[in-house]
Amino acid sequence: MTGKILARFKARVSSLELVPSDGGCFELSVGDKLLYSKLREGKFPDEAWAVEAVGASLP
């Protein structure tokens, strides 16, 4: 997913940070805006949706 985000939006992404965690936590944020939480939804997001959501949230 990170590769697709960087390839598609490289001119608009100033940084990308992966933070390892325990317990099945997966959260996707742009800036301070939480786009997706696996803990809340109970499953991983669809990758295509996640890439589009990031793009739509970029300045």
Protein backbone atom coordinates (compact mmCIF):
# COMPACT_ATOMS: atom_id res chain seq x y z
CA MET A 1 0.00 0.00 0.00
CA THR A 2 2.77 2.46 0.85
CA GLY A 3 4.41 1.83 -2.52
CA LYS A 4 1.17 2.57 -4.35
CA ILE A 5 0.58 5.75 -2.34
CA LEU A 6 4.09 7.01 -3.02
CA ALA A 7 4.02 6.07 -6.71
CA ARG A 8 0.67 7.73 -7.32
CA PHE A 9 1.01 10.83 -5.14
CA LYS A 10 4.79 11.35 -4.88
CA ALA A 11 4.56 15.02 -5.82
CA ARG A 12 1.99 15.65 -3.05
CA VAL A 13 3.40 13.46 -0.23
CA SER A 14 6.03 15.23 1.85
CA SER A 15 6.57 12.28 4.22
CA LEU A 16 5.20 8.86 5.03
CA GLU A 17 5.61 7.20 8.41
CA LEU A 18 5.02 3.56 9.36
CA VAL A 19 4.67 2.92 13.08
CA PRO A 20 4.86 -0.74 14.18
CA SER A 21 2.40 -1.82 16.87
CA ASP A 22 0.92 -4.85 18.60
CA GLY A 23 -2.58 -6.19 18.97
CA GLY A 24 -3.88 -5.88 15.41
CA CYS A 25 -3.91 -2.10 15.34
CA PHE A 26 -3.90 -0.57 11.85
CA GLU A 27 -4.73 3.08 11.46
CA LEU A 28 -4.47 5.27 8.40
CA SER A 29 -4.14 9.02 8.86
CA VAL A 30 -3.28 12.06 6.79
CA GLY A 31 -1.98 14.77 9.06
CA ASP A 32 -4.21 14.75 12.13
CA LYS A 33 -7.19 13.28 10.26
CA LEU A 34 -7.88 9.60 10.98
CA LEU A 35 -9.12 7.99 7.76
CA TYR A 36 -9.44 4.39 8.94
CA SER A 37 -9.10 2.35 12.11
CA LYS A 38 -8.98 -1.45 11.97
CA LEU A 39 -9.75 -1.57 15.68
CA ARG A 40 -13.00 0.32 15.06
CA GLU A 41 -13.98 -1.43 11.80
CA GLY A 42 -12.76 -4.93 12.69
CA LYS A 43 -10.97 -5.55 9.39
CA PHE A 44 -8.26 -4.15 7.14
CA PRO A 45 -9.40 -1.58 4.57
CA ASP A 46 -9.60 -2.36 0.88
CA GLU A 47 -6.25 -1.26 -0.56
CA ALA A 48 -7.72 0.61 -3.53
CA TRP A 49 -10.09 2.49 -1.21
CA ALA A 50 -7.21 3.37 1.14
CA VAL A 51 -5.04 4.75 -1.68
CA GLU A 52 -7.95 6.87 -2.96
CA ALA A 53 -8.79 8.07 0.57
CA VAL A 54 -5.22 9.23 1.08
CA GLY A 55 -5.22 11.05 -2.26
CA ALA A 56 -8.52 12.76 -1.49
CA SER A 57 -7.13 13.96 1.87
CA LEU A 58 -3.87 15.40 0.58
CA PRO A 59 -3.57 19.16 0.26
